[in-house]
Structures are given as structure tokens and as C-alpha cells.
């Protein structure tokens, strides 16, 4: 089945590509995202979850009879995690159970020769795409389609697959250029993301509850403004710095120390936007108590009198209140931790809200590395009603209502190459 979002993106899947073009005997270029945290001293990959996630798509393409060439970025030029993908290839081999050929080249003669020699059933991983200077340039799909990157590689392939939702917010050659030249589709990781996010536009998935915390308050305000203006949310449960900002906007005294934290992060400048949202009737709940740190002692302080300590997590009464609200939901989205989870003393809010969400009857979407790691530690990652998003910036921009260039490019490719697919998809 094709993926459809906001009645705007109609994106073919691997099944559609096979049905209308035939994968057997083809050569496929697939953009994955195996950008992983790296230990600078040794180059050791500290978390291979993204590598593990893409193994399924690679195996399936080989089983369908394709020769597969994979590409990904790692880090940014000039940073300590900007390294070759040779160790990523070893982990891909481990998780696919297949031989992964690696070439320390991307678009040069050596890479092109290896691509030409690749046979059905084989997988080749190219080196870090950001070794190509064009890959850090943002431009339109049409412009990138004429880039050296795309011009050198596209003629060597039958199809292109984008399995990298986490980089779908980038308008770079490996993301948006190839769909203009080749019949293209979403890989399985991308497809799962789109299926999960499509629930945000299903009118039957109400009430929708968003649990928003973490430190990215500017970004969260953008999400709140979009959700409220489009009436896309029924209840918002604020935690973290988001909660502190809205408490101040309501006129609550959160204490001098916490006001200084907001000021030091430049967040007090956001108060007018927060107040406007409250005046417009934003359905947001704020904490009734917090766990705070007072002279290195953990205290629980209720809202009502000035908070003495530094806020570190939501308190037990807030957890209880939020859990009750989540019981009513059909769809729950959690983004950002409720407290300073690097300190084990302040993990309760994040753990209890996540556990309650997953144990409810709602479908749950979780975004953000901190919550993803908590889900894994609690043994919740494989729950059937839980989708753990691979997207950081991509998920954020999607929730804020912005178009993702990677999705736009796939939809444009469908319009260009999938005439029969589009006609059938339009049938009632």
C-alpha cells in the first residue's frame, strides 16, 4: 500500500516498486541513515540501533533479487564524529547476516567501478556521503538532480529508495536529487514512520494527547502553535522547561533560581508567544508539583508558594494527574524527557509517563533519543502499540506542520514515474 500524509504526499513503497517495475534483476541505490554516536578516541560506534533498523530493508531487497548499493552520512565535516563508514559496514554485516562490501569512495572512479561489478544478491556500502562537498548544500530537488553527485551515480541504477526518515528534513543531493532521475520509493523504516505519523491526520484517532518536555523550547512552541491553529490536539501535558515557561506565563512563581535558568537560556523572550497561546485557549496542563534540588537534597515542592529549589523533574501528584488524562487518549505523542534524566534521581517522571502511555489503549509515538533509551531500558521497545521514531529534526519539523524535502521529492518522483500507480491510488 502507498503511504499518504495530509492528502499531500502519495509515496510508493517497496511493494509498489516491485509491482509496477519489478525489483528482480535490478540495481537499487538506497539512502539509509546510519549516522551514529562515535567515541572520538577509538572511533567505536556507541549505539548501533539505526544500523540494526535498516538491516531489514537491505535483506528484503536482496531476497527480492536486487543488487543493492547503500549510502549514508556520518557526522559533519570538521567534527570528531565525521569518520569513514568502514566500521558501520562491519555492523551492517552482523545485523543483516550477509556479506557487506565496502568501498572508501562515494562518486569517484573506484566507487563507480564497484557499482558496475555488483551482482544480484550483493550489497555494497559507499563511504560517508558528506565526503562529497555537494552533500552539505541545500537546494531544490530539480537543482540537485543536475549535481555532479547525482549525475555520476544515477545512470548506474534502475531505482532509488529513501529509507532515511531521520534526514528527510534535509534538501541535499542524496535525499532529493535521485528521485528526480529514478523511479523511487520509501524503504521499510521510512514506511513505518509514515504509517505511524499518518495517524496524526486520522479523525478517528481522537482524543490526541501530546506530552511535551525536554530543553528545545523554541521548537516546542512552533509545534504548539501549529497543533492549536489546526485543532490537531486535544490535551497537552507540559513537562521540563516547557512547563516552567507556561507556568510563568500563567503568573505562577517558580522561584528565583528557576527564573534565572529560563533567563540564561533566553527563554523569557518566549513569554509573549506562550501568553498568546494561553489567551487563544491552548488546552495545556502544567505541573502541580516538582522534584527539586535544595542543597543537594531532593525535595517535592507544590505549586502555590515560591519554589525554593532548582526544578529537576515533575512531582508525584503531577505524574498521577497526567496518567489519568492519558487514559482517555486514542493517540499519545511523547517528545522530550520530563526531567533531568542524566541523574537517576530525576527519571521517575519520564519513566512513569512513558510506561503509562504504553500500557494504555492508545497508539503511542515516541520521539527523541532520551525517551527512546528509556523505552529500551524499561523493556517497552517491542510493544505493538508503540512506535519509536528515528527522526529528531525531521519529526520536529513534521509535527510543526512543515514540508519535509525528502518526502516532497518522493511524491514528485511518483508523479513523474508512477503513472499507473497514481491512477490506481486515486480510485475509490
Protein backbone atom coordinates (compact mmCIF):
# COMPACT_ATOMS: atom_id res chain seq x y z
CA UNK A 1 0.00 0.00 0.00
CA UNK A 2 1.25 3.51 -0.77
CA UNK A 3 1.82 5.96 2.07
CA UNK A 4 -0.34 9.08 2.18
CA UNK A 5 0.12 12.05 4.52
CA UNK A 6 -2.02 15.18 4.87
CA UNK A 7 -3.58 14.32 1.50
CA UNK A 8 -0.38 15.85 0.14
CA UNK A 9 2.26 13.15 -0.11
CA UNK A 10 1.42 9.99 -2.05
CA UNK A 11 4.56 7.89 -1.77
CA UNK A 12 5.18 4.44 -3.28
CA UNK A 13 6.59 1.65 -1.12
CA UNK A 14 8.91 -1.24 -1.99
CA UNK A 15 5.80 -3.31 -2.77
CA UNK A 16 4.61 -0.68 -5.26
CA UNK A 17 8.05 -0.51 -6.87
CA UNK A 18 8.08 -4.29 -7.30
CA UNK A 19 4.50 -4.37 -8.61
CA UNK A 20 4.85 -1.66 -11.25
CA UNK A 21 8.51 -2.04 -12.27
CA UNK A 22 9.89 -5.32 -10.91
CA UNK A 23 12.80 -5.48 -8.49
CA UNK A 24 14.27 -8.83 -9.56
CA UNK A 25 17.47 -8.33 -11.53
CA UNK A 26 17.59 -4.59 -10.83
CA UNK A 27 20.29 -2.44 -9.29
CA UNK A 28 19.00 -0.24 -6.45
CA UNK A 29 20.54 2.77 -4.72
CA UNK A 30 19.21 3.17 -1.18
CA UNK A 31 19.73 6.13 1.14
CA UNK A 32 19.85 4.94 4.73
CA UNK A 33 20.72 6.86 7.89
CA UNK A 34 23.30 5.03 9.97
CA UNK A 35 24.71 8.23 11.45
CA UNK A 36 25.64 7.01 14.94
CA UNK A 37 27.27 8.33 18.12
CA UNK A 38 31.02 7.74 17.93
CA UNK A 39 33.65 7.52 20.67
CA UNK A 40 36.20 10.11 19.45
CA UNK A 41 39.27 8.38 20.91
CA UNK A 42 38.68 4.99 19.25
CA UNK A 43 36.06 5.54 16.55
CA UNK A 44 33.89 2.94 18.30
CA UNK A 45 30.18 3.09 17.44
CA UNK A 46 28.37 3.55 20.76
CA UNK A 47 24.80 2.86 19.58
CA UNK A 48 24.05 0.69 16.55
CA UNK A 49 20.23 0.93 16.71
CA UNK A 50 19.97 2.81 13.40
CA UNK A 51 22.22 0.28 11.69
CA UNK A 52 20.08 -2.54 13.05
CA UNK A 53 16.88 -0.82 11.87
CA UNK A 54 17.99 -0.61 8.22
CA UNK A 55 19.17 -4.23 8.05
CA UNK A 56 15.60 -5.42 7.40
CA UNK A 57 15.18 -3.29 4.27
CA UNK A 58 18.55 -4.35 2.86
CA UNK A 59 17.81 -8.05 3.42
CA UNK A 60 14.40 -7.76 1.79
CA UNK A 61 15.76 -6.09 -1.34
CA UNK A 62 18.36 -8.83 -1.74
CA UNK A 63 15.72 -11.51 -1.20
CA UNK A 64 13.63 -9.88 -3.94
CA UNK A 65 16.54 -10.32 -6.33
CA UNK A 66 18.23 -6.91 -6.40
CA UNK A 67 21.83 -5.77 -6.28
CA UNK A 68 21.90 -3.11 -3.56
CA UNK A 69 24.14 -0.09 -3.04
CA UNK A 70 23.64 1.76 0.26
CA UNK A 71 24.77 5.25 1.18
CA UNK A 72 24.66 7.32 4.36
CA UNK A 73 26.33 10.27 6.05
CA UNK A 74 28.17 10.23 9.38
CA UNK A 75 28.76 13.42 11.34
CA UNK A 76 29.68 16.78 9.85
CA UNK A 77 32.97 17.85 8.23
CA UNK A 78 35.33 19.21 10.87
CA UNK A 79 33.69 17.38 13.79
CA UNK A 80 35.06 14.41 15.71
CA UNK A 81 32.31 12.05 14.52
CA UNK A 82 32.99 12.78 10.84
CA UNK A 83 34.51 9.39 10.02
CA UNK A 84 34.55 6.69 7.38
CA UNK A 85 31.77 4.09 7.30
CA UNK A 86 34.09 1.07 7.34
CA UNK A 87 33.08 0.12 10.90
CA UNK A 88 29.43 0.71 10.05
CA UNK A 89 29.87 -1.88 7.28
CA UNK A 90 31.04 -4.45 9.83
CA UNK A 91 27.93 -3.87 11.95
CA UNK A 92 25.65 -3.97 8.91
CA UNK A 93 27.18 -7.35 8.09
CA UNK A 94 26.45 -8.54 11.61
CA UNK A 95 22.82 -7.41 11.59
CA UNK A 96 21.94 -8.48 8.03
CA UNK A 97 23.76 -11.79 8.29
CA UNK A 98 25.10 -11.07 4.80
CA UNK A 99 28.41 -10.03 3.28
CA UNK A 100 28.67 -6.24 3.02
CA UNK A 101 31.19 -4.97 0.50
CA UNK A 102 32.65 -1.58 1.40
CA UNK A 103 34.41 0.97 -0.78
CA UNK A 104 36.17 4.03 0.65
CA UNK A 105 34.79 6.20 -2.14
CA UNK A 106 31.41 7.74 -2.98
CA UNK A 107 31.22 9.02 -6.56
CA UNK A 108 34.78 8.54 -7.85
CA UNK A 109 36.01 6.00 -10.44
CA UNK A 110 36.65 3.33 -7.79
CA UNK A 111 33.08 3.55 -6.45
CA UNK A 112 31.54 3.57 -9.93
CA UNK A 113 33.56 0.54 -10.97
CA UNK A 114 32.45 -1.41 -7.86
CA UNK A 115 28.83 -0.47 -8.54
CA UNK A 116 29.09 -1.72 -12.13
CA UNK A 117 30.58 -5.05 -10.97
CA UNK A 118 27.95 -5.63 -8.25
CA UNK A 119 25.81 -8.71 -8.89
CA UNK A 120 22.31 -9.71 -7.89
CA UNK A 121 22.16 -10.63 -4.20
CA UNK A 122 25.15 -8.49 -3.23
CA UNK A 123 25.27 -5.36 -1.05
CA UNK A 124 27.79 -2.53 -1.36
CA UNK A 125 28.14 0.30 1.17
CA UNK A 126 29.62 3.54 -0.14
CA UNK A 127 31.67 5.76 2.15
CA UNK A 128 30.39 8.83 4.02
CA UNK A 129 28.27 10.89 1.60
CA UNK A 130 29.48 14.12 3.21
CA UNK A 131 32.92 13.45 1.75
CA UNK A 132 31.27 14.92 -1.35
CA UNK A 133 31.15 18.70 -0.92
CA UNK A 134 27.76 18.99 -2.68
CA UNK A 135 26.15 16.89 0.05
CA UNK A 136 26.20 19.75 2.54
CA UNK A 137 24.47 22.14 0.13
CA UNK A 138 20.72 22.72 0.49
CA UNK A 139 18.94 23.21 -2.85
CA UNK A 140 15.78 22.19 -4.73
CA UNK A 141 15.29 18.62 -5.99
CA UNK A 142 15.48 19.91 -9.55
CA UNK A 143 18.83 21.64 -8.95
CA UNK A 144 20.32 18.69 -7.09
CA UNK A 145 19.18 16.36 -9.88
CA UNK A 146 21.80 18.09 -12.05
CA UNK A 147 24.56 17.93 -9.41
CA UNK A 148 27.79 16.03 -10.04
CA UNK A 149 26.84 13.64 -7.20
CA UNK A 150 23.59 12.59 -8.88
CA UNK A 151 24.87 12.80 -12.46
CA UNK A 152 27.74 10.41 -11.72
CA UNK A 153 25.68 7.75 -9.91
CA UNK A 154 22.09 7.85 -11.21
CA UNK A 155 22.88 6.29 -14.63
CA UNK A 156 24.23 3.19 -12.85
CA UNK A 157 20.90 2.34 -11.19
CA UNK A 158 17.37 1.28 -12.03
CA UNK A 159 15.69 2.60 -8.88
CA UNK A 160 16.23 4.73 -5.78
CA UNK A 161 14.86 4.04 -2.29
CA UNK A 162 14.84 6.50 0.61
CA UNK A 163 14.80 4.68 3.94
CA UNK A 164 16.15 7.65 5.93
CA UNK A 165 13.27 9.47 7.62
CA UNK A 166 15.75 10.98 10.08
CA UNK A 167 17.27 13.03 7.25
CA UNK A 168 14.04 13.74 5.35
CA UNK A 169 14.21 17.37 6.51
CA UNK A 170 17.42 17.88 4.52
CA UNK A 171 17.33 19.06 0.91
CA UNK A 172 20.63 17.51 -0.15
CA UNK A 173 21.57 15.51 -3.28
CA UNK A 174 21.42 12.04 -1.71
CA UNK A 175 17.94 12.86 -0.33
CA UNK A 176 16.17 14.86 -3.04
CA UNK A 177 18.26 14.64 -6.23
CA UNK A 178 17.96 10.97 -7.17
CA UNK A 179 14.12 10.83 -7.04
CA UNK A 180 14.08 13.29 -9.95
CA UNK A 181 16.13 10.85 -12.06
CA UNK A 182 14.93 7.41 -10.98
CA UNK A 183 11.65 5.68 -10.04
CA UNK A 184 11.73 5.94 -6.26
CA UNK A 185 10.05 4.51 -3.18
CA UNK A 186 10.09 4.55 0.61
CA UNK A 187 12.04 1.81 2.39
CA UNK A 188 10.62 -0.11 5.34
CA UNK A 189 11.98 2.23 8.04
CA UNK A 190 10.57 5.23 6.19
CA UNK A 191 7.29 3.42 5.57
CA UNK A 192 6.82 2.62 9.26
CA UNK A 193 7.39 6.28 10.12
CA UNK A 194 4.84 7.45 7.57
CA UNK A 195 2.23 4.91 8.64
CA UNK A 196 2.65 5.96 12.29
CA UNK A 197 2.56 9.70 11.54
CA UNK A 198 -0.49 9.30 9.30
CA UNK A 199 -2.44 8.62 12.50
CA UNK A 200 -1.99 12.31 13.34
CA UNK A 201 -4.35 13.06 10.44
CA UNK A 202 -6.87 10.29 11.06
CA UNK A 203 -10.03 11.89 12.54
CA UNK A 204 -10.80 8.64 14.35
CA UNK A 205 -7.60 8.88 16.40
CA UNK A 206 -9.07 11.28 18.98
CA UNK A 207 -8.59 12.33 21.71
CA UNK A 208 -4.96 13.13 20.92
CA UNK A 209 -2.67 13.87 23.85
CA UNK A 210 0.79 15.38 23.41
CA UNK A 211 3.32 15.09 26.25
CA UNK A 212 5.97 17.71 25.52
CA UNK A 213 9.13 18.34 27.52
CA UNK A 214 12.87 18.49 27.10
CA UNK A 215 15.01 21.55 26.56
CA UNK A 216 14.14 22.55 22.98
CA UNK A 217 11.52 25.10 23.98
CA UNK A 218 11.72 27.22 20.82
CA UNK A 219 10.94 24.14 18.73
CA UNK A 220 8.16 23.01 21.04
CA UNK A 221 6.44 26.40 20.76
CA UNK A 222 6.41 26.01 16.99
CA UNK A 223 4.76 22.62 17.40
CA UNK A 224 2.18 24.02 19.83
CA UNK A 225 1.32 26.93 17.54
CA UNK A 226 0.78 24.60 14.60
CA UNK A 227 -1.20 21.99 16.54
CA UNK A 228 -3.50 24.56 18.11
CA UNK A 229 -4.14 26.58 14.95
CA UNK A 230 -5.05 23.36 13.12
CA UNK A 231 -7.06 21.93 16.04
CA UNK A 232 -4.87 18.83 15.83
CA UNK A 233 -4.52 18.24 19.58
CA UNK A 234 -6.99 17.72 22.43
CA UNK A 235 -4.75 17.87 25.51
CA UNK A 236 -1.15 18.95 26.03
CA UNK A 237 0.80 17.82 29.09
CA UNK A 238 3.79 20.09 29.66
CA UNK A 239 6.98 18.96 31.38
CA UNK A 240 10.57 20.20 31.54
CA UNK A 241 11.41 23.77 30.60
CA UNK A 242 8.23 23.97 28.52
CA UNK A 243 6.20 23.55 31.70
CA UNK A 244 8.25 26.18 33.54
CA UNK A 245 7.73 28.71 30.74
CA UNK A 246 3.96 28.21 30.70
CA UNK A 247 3.74 28.40 34.49
CA UNK A 248 5.45 31.79 34.35
CA UNK A 249 3.08 32.80 31.54
CA UNK A 250 0.20 31.92 33.89
CA UNK A 251 1.67 34.15 36.61
CA UNK A 252 2.98 31.34 38.81
CA UNK A 253 6.08 31.99 40.94
CA UNK A 254 8.57 29.24 40.07
CA UNK A 255 11.33 30.69 42.25
CA UNK A 256 14.31 32.91 41.59
CA UNK A 257 16.72 30.08 40.74
CA UNK A 258 14.44 28.69 38.04
CA UNK A 259 13.73 32.13 36.60
CA UNK A 260 17.49 32.57 36.24
CA UNK A 261 17.68 29.27 34.33
CA UNK A 262 15.00 30.44 31.89
CA UNK A 263 16.74 33.79 31.52
CA UNK A 264 20.16 32.24 30.91
CA UNK A 265 18.71 30.15 28.07
CA UNK A 266 16.96 33.14 26.51
CA UNK A 267 13.55 31.62 27.15
CA UNK A 268 11.91 34.58 28.88
CA UNK A 269 11.76 36.21 25.43
CA UNK A 270 9.24 33.50 24.51
CA UNK A 271 6.75 34.56 27.18
CA UNK A 272 4.64 36.72 24.81
CA UNK A 273 4.14 33.73 22.49
CA UNK A 274 3.25 31.46 25.41
CA UNK A 275 0.76 34.03 26.74
CA UNK A 276 -0.84 34.40 23.30
CA UNK A 277 -1.37 30.65 23.13
CA UNK A 278 -2.98 30.66 26.57
CA UNK A 279 -5.29 33.53 25.57
CA UNK A 280 -6.30 31.57 22.47
CA UNK A 281 -7.35 28.66 24.67
CA UNK A 282 -4.43 26.27 24.22
CA UNK A 283 -5.52 23.07 26.04
CA UNK A 284 -2.32 22.78 28.07
CA UNK A 285 -1.88 21.26 31.52
CA UNK A 286 1.04 22.34 33.69
CA UNK A 287 2.56 20.56 36.71
CA UNK A 288 1.11 20.90 40.20
CA UNK A 289 4.35 19.84 41.87
CA UNK A 290 8.03 19.28 41.10
CA UNK A 291 11.01 17.34 42.34
CA UNK A 292 13.64 19.94 43.15
CA UNK A 293 17.19 20.04 44.37
CA UNK A 294 17.78 22.04 47.56
CA UNK A 295 21.40 22.00 48.80
CA UNK A 296 21.87 18.62 47.08
CA UNK A 297 18.77 17.23 48.79
CA UNK A 298 15.82 16.06 46.69
CA UNK A 299 12.56 17.72 47.73
CA UNK A 300 8.99 17.63 46.42
CA UNK A 301 7.58 21.15 46.17
CA UNK A 302 3.99 22.01 45.28
CA UNK A 303 2.94 24.89 43.07
CA UNK A 304 1.32 27.65 45.10
CA UNK A 305 4.17 29.17 47.03
CA UNK A 306 7.55 30.18 45.67
CA UNK A 307 9.67 27.19 44.67
CA UNK A 308 12.86 27.14 46.76
CA UNK A 309 14.92 24.54 44.89
CA UNK A 310 16.04 24.05 41.31
CA UNK A 311 13.40 22.17 39.32
CA UNK A 312 14.67 18.79 38.12
CA UNK A 313 11.58 16.66 37.41
CA UNK A 314 7.80 16.65 37.68
CA UNK A 315 6.44 15.56 41.06
CA UNK A 316 4.29 12.56 42.06
CA UNK A 317 0.96 14.45 42.00
CA UNK A 318 1.69 15.72 38.51
CA UNK A 319 2.54 12.19 37.36
CA UNK A 320 -0.75 10.95 38.81
CA UNK A 321 -2.74 13.74 37.12
CA UNK A 322 -1.07 13.25 33.73
CA UNK A 323 -1.51 9.46 33.84
CA UNK A 324 -5.26 9.90 34.40
CA UNK A 325 -5.52 12.25 31.41
CA UNK A 326 -3.63 9.80 29.17
CA UNK A 327 -6.17 7.06 29.95
CA UNK A 328 -8.70 8.95 27.79
CA UNK A 329 -6.44 9.12 24.73
CA UNK A 330 -6.59 7.22 21.45
CA UNK A 331 -3.24 8.66 20.33
CA UNK A 332 -0.36 9.81 22.55
CA UNK A 333 2.76 11.59 21.31
CA UNK A 334 5.69 11.96 23.73
CA UNK A 335 8.62 14.20 22.87
CA UNK A 336 11.39 15.16 25.26
CA UNK A 337 12.08 13.93 28.81
CA UNK A 338 10.10 15.19 31.80
CA UNK A 339 13.20 15.76 33.93
CA UNK A 340 16.98 15.78 34.04
CA UNK A 341 17.24 12.09 33.26
CA UNK A 342 21.04 12.06 33.25
CA UNK A 343 20.63 11.95 37.06
CA UNK A 344 18.87 8.71 38.15
CA UNK A 345 17.08 10.64 40.92
CA UNK A 346 15.10 12.55 38.31
CA UNK A 347 13.99 9.82 35.92
CA UNK A 348 10.66 8.96 37.55
CA UNK A 349 8.58 11.44 35.58
CA UNK A 350 9.86 10.26 32.20
CA UNK A 351 9.65 6.58 33.14
CA UNK A 352 6.16 6.69 34.62
CA UNK A 353 4.63 8.75 31.82
CA UNK A 354 6.15 6.51 29.17
CA UNK A 355 5.08 3.35 30.97
CA UNK A 356 1.54 4.65 31.46
CA UNK A 357 1.27 5.67 27.81
CA UNK A 358 2.36 2.28 26.51
CA UNK A 359 0.13 0.41 28.97
CA UNK A 360 -2.91 2.45 27.89
CA UNK A 361 -5.18 1.52 24.99
CA UNK A 362 -3.73 4.36 22.89
CA UNK A 363 -1.31 4.20 19.98
CA UNK A 364 1.93 5.83 21.16
CA UNK A 365 4.54 7.73 19.15
CA UNK A 366 7.81 8.50 20.94
CA UNK A 367 10.41 10.93 19.61
CA UNK A 368 13.79 11.94 20.95
CA UNK A 369 16.86 9.93 21.87
CA UNK A 370 16.39 10.27 25.64
CA UNK A 371 12.91 8.74 25.63
CA UNK A 372 13.98 6.07 23.15
CA UNK A 373 16.72 4.92 25.53
CA UNK A 374 14.29 4.89 28.46
CA UNK A 375 11.83 2.76 26.47
CA UNK A 376 14.62 0.27 25.80
CA UNK A 377 15.68 0.17 29.47
CA UNK A 378 12.09 -0.43 30.57
CA UNK A 379 11.69 -3.25 28.03
CA UNK A 380 8.93 -1.39 26.20
CA UNK A 381 10.51 -1.02 22.76
CA UNK A 382 8.75 -4.01 21.20
CA UNK A 383 5.23 -3.18 22.39
CA UNK A 384 2.82 -3.39 19.41
CA UNK A 385 1.13 -0.06 20.22
CA UNK A 386 4.45 1.82 20.40
CA UNK A 387 6.27 3.50 17.53
CA UNK A 388 9.73 4.82 18.33
CA UNK A 389 10.57 7.43 15.74
CA UNK A 390 14.04 7.54 14.20
CA UNK A 391 13.54 11.21 13.37
CA UNK A 392 14.96 14.00 15.51
CA UNK A 393 14.85 17.20 13.50
CA UNK A 394 12.66 15.57 10.86
CA UNK A 395 9.99 14.59 13.39
CA UNK A 396 10.11 18.01 15.00
CA UNK A 397 9.54 19.83 11.71
CA UNK A 398 6.82 17.39 10.72
CA UNK A 399 4.96 17.98 13.99
CA UNK A 400 5.31 21.72 13.37
CA UNK A 401 3.50 21.30 10.05
CA UNK A 402 6.45 21.88 7.77
CA UNK A 403 7.06 20.06 4.49
CA UNK A 404 9.97 17.61 4.57
CA UNK A 405 12.05 17.85 1.37
CA UNK A 406 12.74 14.10 1.33
CA UNK A 407 9.02 13.33 1.29
CA UNK A 408 8.27 16.04 -1.26
CA UNK A 409 10.94 14.55 -3.56
CA UNK A 410 9.46 11.04 -3.28
CA UNK A 411 5.99 12.40 -4.07
CA UNK A 412 7.36 14.29 -7.09
CA UNK A 413 9.09 11.13 -8.27
CA UNK A 414 5.79 9.25 -8.08
CA UNK A 415 4.15 11.90 -10.25
CA UNK A 416 6.97 11.61 -12.77
CA UNK A 417 7.42 7.84 -13.00
CA UNK A 418 4.39 6.08 -11.46
CA UNK A 419 1.53 6.91 -13.81
CA UNK A 420 -0.30 3.59 -13.29
CA UNK A 421 0.34 3.70 -9.56
CA UNK A 422 -1.16 7.17 -9.22
CA UNK A 423 -4.22 6.27 -11.28
CA UNK A 424 -4.88 3.18 -9.16
CA UNK A 425 -4.25 5.08 -5.91
CA UNK A 426 -6.86 7.64 -6.98
CA UNK A 427 -9.58 5.00 -7.40
CA UNK A 428 -12.27 4.98 -4.68
